PDB file of N, CA and C in Angstrom:
ATOM      1  N   MET A   1       0.818  -1.199   0.000  1.00  0.00           N
ATOM      2  CA  MET A   1       0.000   0.000   0.000  1.00  0.00           C
ATOM      3  C   MET A   1       0.862   1.264   0.000  1.00  0.00           C
ATOM      4  N   GLU A   2       1.972   1.222   0.711  1.00  0.00           N
ATOM      5  CA  GLU A   2       2.843   2.388   0.773  1.00  0.00           C
ATOM      6  C   GLU A   2       3.408   2.731  -0.608  1.00  0.00           C
ATOM      7  N   ILE A   3       3.723   1.717  -1.418  1.00  0.00           N
ATOM      8  CA  ILE A   3       4.240   1.945  -2.767  1.00  0.00           C
ATOM      9  C   ILE A   3       3.199   2.692  -3.604  1.00  0.00           C
ATOM     10  N   GLY A   4       1.949   2.288  -3.476  1.00  0.00           N
ATOM     11  CA  GLY A   4       0.878   2.944  -4.221  1.00  0.00           C
ATOM     12  C   GLY A   4       0.734   4.409  -3.849  1.00  0.00           C
ATOM     13  N   LEU A   5       0.871   4.711  -2.564  1.00  0.00           N
ATOM     14  CA  LEU A   5       0.772   6.097  -2.128  1.00  0.00           C
ATOM     15  C   LEU A   5       1.949   6.922  -2.630  1.00  0.00           C
ATOM     16  N   LYS A   6       3.125   6.305  -2.687  1.00  0.00           N
ATOM     17  CA  LYS A   6       4.295   6.998  -3.222  1.00  0.00           C
ATOM     18  C   LYS A   6       4.070   7.363  -4.680  1.00  0.00           C
ATOM     19  N   HIS A   7       3.573   6.396  -5.446  1.00  0.00           N
ATOM     20  CA  HIS A   7       3.316   6.653  -6.861  1.00  0.00           C
ATOM     21  C   HIS A   7       2.238   7.718  -7.040  1.00  0.00           C
ATOM     22  N   LEU A   8       1.238   7.670  -6.211  1.00  0.00           N
ATOM     23  CA  LEU A   8       0.178   8.674  -6.267  1.00  0.00           C
ATOM     24  C   LEU A   8       0.746  10.061  -5.977  1.00  0.00           C
ATOM     25  N   PHE A   9       1.601  10.157  -4.966  1.00  0.00           N
ATOM     26  CA  PHE A   9       2.218  11.442  -4.640  1.00  0.00           C
ATOM     27  C   PHE A   9       3.067  11.949  -5.799  1.00  0.00           C
ATOM     28  N   TYR A  10       3.884  11.070  -6.390  1.00  0.00           N
ATOM     29  CA  TYR A  10       4.730  11.484  -7.512  1.00  0.00           C
ATOM     30  C   TYR A  10       3.886  11.932  -8.698  1.00  0.00           C
ATOM     31  N   ALA A  11       2.832  11.205  -8.986  1.00  0.00           N
ATOM     32  CA  ALA A  11       1.951  11.587 -10.093  1.00  0.00           C
ATOM     33  C   ALA A  11       1.305  12.944  -9.809  1.00  0.00           C
ATOM     34  N   PHE A  12       0.852  13.130  -8.580  1.00  0.00           N
ATOM     35  CA  PHE A  12       0.234  14.387  -8.180  1.00  0.00           C
ATOM     36  C   PHE A  12       1.230  15.543  -8.316  1.00  0.00           C
ATOM     37  N   ALA A  13       2.459  15.331  -7.873  1.00  0.00           N
ATOM     38  CA  ALA A  13       3.492  16.368  -7.959  1.00  0.00           C
ATOM     39  C   ALA A  13       3.821  16.693  -9.411  1.00  0.00           C
ATOM     40  N   ILE A  14       3.889  15.686 -10.256  1.00  0.00           N
ATOM     41  CA  ILE A  14       4.187  15.910 -11.674  1.00  0.00           C
ATOM     42  C   ILE A  14       3.066  16.699 -12.337  1.00  0.00           C
ATOM     43  N   VAL A  15       1.834  16.333 -12.040  1.00  0.00           N
ATOM     44  CA  VAL A  15       0.694  17.055 -12.623  1.00  0.00           C
ATOM     45  C   VAL A  15       0.715  18.518 -12.194  1.00  0.00           C
ATOM     46  N   TRP A  16       0.981  18.782 -10.919  1.00  0.00           N
ATOM     47  CA  TRP A  16       1.037  20.165 -10.451  1.00  0.00           C
ATOM     48  C   TRP A  16       2.197  20.926 -11.092  1.00  0.00           C
ATOM     49  N   ALA A  17       3.343  20.278 -11.247  1.00  0.00           N
ATOM     50  CA  ALA A  17       4.487  20.934 -11.881  1.00  0.00           C
ATOM     51  C   ALA A  17       4.161  21.287 -13.329  1.00  0.00           C
ATOM     52  N   LEU A  18       3.527  20.363 -14.035  1.00  0.00           N
ATOM     53  CA  LEU A  18       3.138  20.637 -15.419  1.00  0.00           C
ATOM     54  C   LEU A  18       2.109  21.760 -15.489  1.00  0.00           C
ATOM     55  N   LEU A  19       1.164  21.743 -14.585  1.00  0.00           N
ATOM     56  CA  LEU A  19       0.138  22.782 -14.564  1.00  0.00           C
ATOM     57  C   LEU A  19       0.750  24.156 -14.284  1.00  0.00           C
ATOM     58  N   LEU A  20       1.641  24.230 -13.314  1.00  0.00           N
ATOM     59  CA  LEU A  20       2.298  25.502 -13.011  1.00  0.00           C
ATOM     60  C   LEU A  20       3.150  25.979 -14.183  1.00  0.00           C
ATOM     61  N   GLY A  21       3.861  25.057 -14.820  1.00  0.00           N
ATOM     62  CA  GLY A  21       4.640  25.417 -16.000  1.00  0.00           C
ATOM     63  C   GLY A  21       3.762  25.969 -17.106  1.00  0.00           C
ATOM     64  N   TYR A  22       2.604  25.357 -17.310  1.00  0.00           N
ATOM     65  CA  TYR A  22       1.671  25.817 -18.333  1.00  0.00           C
ATOM     66  C   TYR A  22       1.132  27.205 -18.003  1.00  0.00           C
ATOM     67  N   VAL A  23       0.796  27.433 -16.746  1.00  0.00           N
ATOM     68  CA  VAL A  23       0.277  28.738 -16.335  1.00  0.00           C
ATOM     69  C   VAL A  23       1.345  29.816 -16.518  1.00  0.00           C
ATOM     70  N   PHE A  24       2.582  29.533 -16.136  1.00  0.00           N
ATOM     71  CA  PHE A  24       3.658  30.506 -16.333  1.00  0.00           C
ATOM     72  C   PHE A  24       3.903  30.762 -17.810  1.00  0.00           C
ATOM     73  N   SER A  25       3.796  29.721 -18.636  1.00  0.00           N
ATOM     74  CA  SER A  25       3.941  29.880 -20.080  1.00  0.00           C
ATOM     75  C   SER A  25       2.850  30.796 -20.633  1.00  0.00           C
ATOM     76  N   LEU A  26       1.622  30.593 -20.191  1.00  0.00           N
ATOM     77  CA  LEU A  26       0.519  31.450 -20.639  1.00  0.00           C
ATOM     78  C   LEU A  26       0.728  32.894 -20.191  1.00  0.00           C
ATOM     79  N   ALA A  27       1.197  33.086 -18.981  1.00  0.00           N
ATOM     80  CA  ALA A  27       1.438  34.438 -18.473  1.00  0.00           C
ATOM     81  C   ALA A  27       2.520  35.136 -19.295  1.00  0.00           C
ATOM     82  N   ARG A  28       3.576  34.400 -19.637  1.00  0.00           N
ATOM     83  CA  ARG A  28       4.651  34.975 -20.442  1.00  0.00           C
ATOM     84  C   ARG A  28       4.147  35.361 -21.834  1.00  0.00           C
ATOM     85  N   ARG A  29       3.347  34.477 -22.445  1.00  0.00           N
ATOM     86  CA  ARG A  29       2.786  34.777 -23.767  1.00  0.00           C
ATOM     87  C   ARG A  29       1.858  35.984 -23.711  1.00  0.00           C
ATOM     88  N   GLN A  30       1.053  36.065 -22.657  1.00  0.00           N
ATOM     89  CA  GLN A  30       0.134  37.184 -22.516  1.00  0.00           C
ATOM     90  C   GLN A  30       0.906  38.493 -22.386  1.00  0.00           C
ATOM     91  N   LYS A  31       1.996  38.475 -21.634  1.00  0.00           N
ATOM     92  CA  LYS A  31       2.838  39.668 -21.477  1.00  0.00           C
ATOM     93  C   LYS A  31       3.443  40.069 -22.813  1.00  0.00           C
ATOM     94  N   GLN A  32       3.924  39.097 -23.587  1.00  0.00           N
ATOM     95  CA  GLN A  32       4.496  39.394 -24.896  1.00  0.00           C
ATOM     96  C   GLN A  32       3.449  40.002 -25.823  1.00  0.00           C
ATOM     97  N   LEU A  33       2.240  39.455 -25.800  1.00  0.00           N
ATOM     98  CA  LEU A  33       1.171  39.989 -26.643  1.00  0.00           C
ATOM     99  C   LEU A  33       0.777  41.399 -26.210  1.00  0.00           C
ATOM    100  N   ALA A  34       0.727  41.644 -24.912  1.00  0.00           N
ATOM    101  CA  ALA A  34       0.396  42.981 -24.419  1.00  0.00           C
ATOM    102  C   ALA A  34       1.467  43.985 -24.848  1.00  0.00           C
ATOM    103  N   ASP A  35       2.729  43.593 -24.768  1.00  0.00           N
ATOM    104  CA  ASP A  35       3.818  44.471 -25.205  1.00  0.00           C
ATOM    105  C   ASP A  35       3.729  44.743 -26.700  1.00  0.00           C
ATOM    106  N   GLU A  36       3.450  43.697 -27.477  1.00  0.00           N
ATOM    107  CA  GLU A  36       3.334  43.863 -28.926  1.00  0.00           C
ATOM    108  C   GLU A  36       2.157  44.774 -29.270  1.00  0.00           C
ATOM    109  N   LEU A  37       1.045  44.610 -28.585  1.00  0.00           N
ATOM    110  CA  LEU A  37      -0.118  45.462 -28.817  1.00  0.00           C
ATOM    111  C   LEU A  37       0.201  46.912 -28.488  1.00  0.00           C
ATOM    112  N   GLU A  38       0.908  47.134 -27.400  1.00  0.00           N
ATOM    113  CA  GLU A  38       1.295  48.495 -27.021  1.00  0.00           C
ATOM    114  C   GLU A  38       2.194  49.112 -28.087  1.00  0.00           C
ATOM    115  N   ASN A  39       3.145  48.336 -28.606  1.00  0.00           N
ATOM    116  CA  ASN A  39       4.022  48.832 -29.669  1.00  0.00           C
ATOM    117  C   ASN A  39       3.233  49.160 -30.925  1.00  0.00           C
ATOM    118  N   LEU A  40       2.256  48.331 -31.264  1.00  0.00           N
ATOM    119  CA  LEU A  40       1.429  48.596 -32.441  1.00  0.00           C
ATOM    120  C   LEU A  40       0.587  49.856 -32.254  1.00  0.00           C
ATOM    121  N   LYS A  41       0.066  50.049 -31.048  1.00  0.00           N
ATOM    122  CA  LYS A  41      -0.708  51.263 -30.776  1.00  0.00           C
ATOM    123  C   LYS A  41       0.167  52.506 -30.921  1.00  0.00           C
ATOM    124  N   LYS A  42       1.386  52.436 -30.398  1.00  0.00           N
ATOM    125  CA  LYS A  42       2.307  53.570 -30.523  1.00  0.00           C
ATOM    126  C   LYS A  42       2.647  53.822 -31.983  1.00  0.00           C
ATOM    127  N   SER A  43       2.890  52.754 -32.725  1.00  0.00           N
ATOM    128  CA  SER A  43       3.225  52.868 -34.143  1.00  0.00           C
ATOM    129  C   SER A  43       2.058  53.466 -34.922  1.00  0.00           C
ATOM    130  N   ALA A  44       0.849  53.040 -34.637  1.00  0.00           N
ATOM    131  CA  ALA A  44      -0.332  53.566 -35.322  1.00  0.00           C
ATOM    132  C   ALA A  44      -0.547  55.034 -34.954  1.00  0.00           C
ATOM    133  N   GLY A  45      -0.246  55.407 -33.732  1.00  0.00           N
ATOM    134  CA  GLY A  45      -0.391  56.795 -33.301  1.00  0.00           C
ATOM    135  C   GLY A  45       0.572  57.708 -34.022  1.00  0.00           C
ATOM    136  N   ARG A  46       1.767  57.251 -34.282  1.00  0.00           N
ATOM    137  CA  ARG A  46       2.757  58.054 -35.003  1.00  0.00           C
ATOM    138  C   ARG A  46       2.357  58.236 -36.460  1.00  0.00           C
ATOM    139  N   ARG A  47       1.757  57.238 -37.049  1.00  0.00           N
ATOM    140  CA  ARG A  47       1.360  57.325 -38.457  1.00  0.00           C
ATOM    141  C   ARG A  47       0.220  58.310 -38.665  1.00  0.00           C
ATOM    142  N   SER A  48      -0.668  58.404 -37.692  1.00  0.00           N
ATOM    143  CA  SER A  48      -1.827  59.284 -37.856  1.00  0.00           C
ATOM    144  C   SER A  48      -1.468  60.749 -37.633  1.00  0.00           C
ATOM    145  N   ASP A  49      -0.289  61.026 -37.082  1.00  0.00           N
ATOM    146  CA  ASP A  49       0.125  62.418 -36.831  1.00  0.00           C
ATOM    147  C   ASP A  49       0.544  63.119 -38.090  1.00  0.00           C
TER     148      ASP A  49
END
């Protein structure tokens, strides 16, 4: 029974690590998109002047 609990813990830890990695990846992509959007807004503002 102890072996099963160990495997369950390892699986649980791996799933959480993957989930956290995915969330950080999404946050990084969102930041990049926000920066790109800001640059495009600035670029469009200069063209209209």
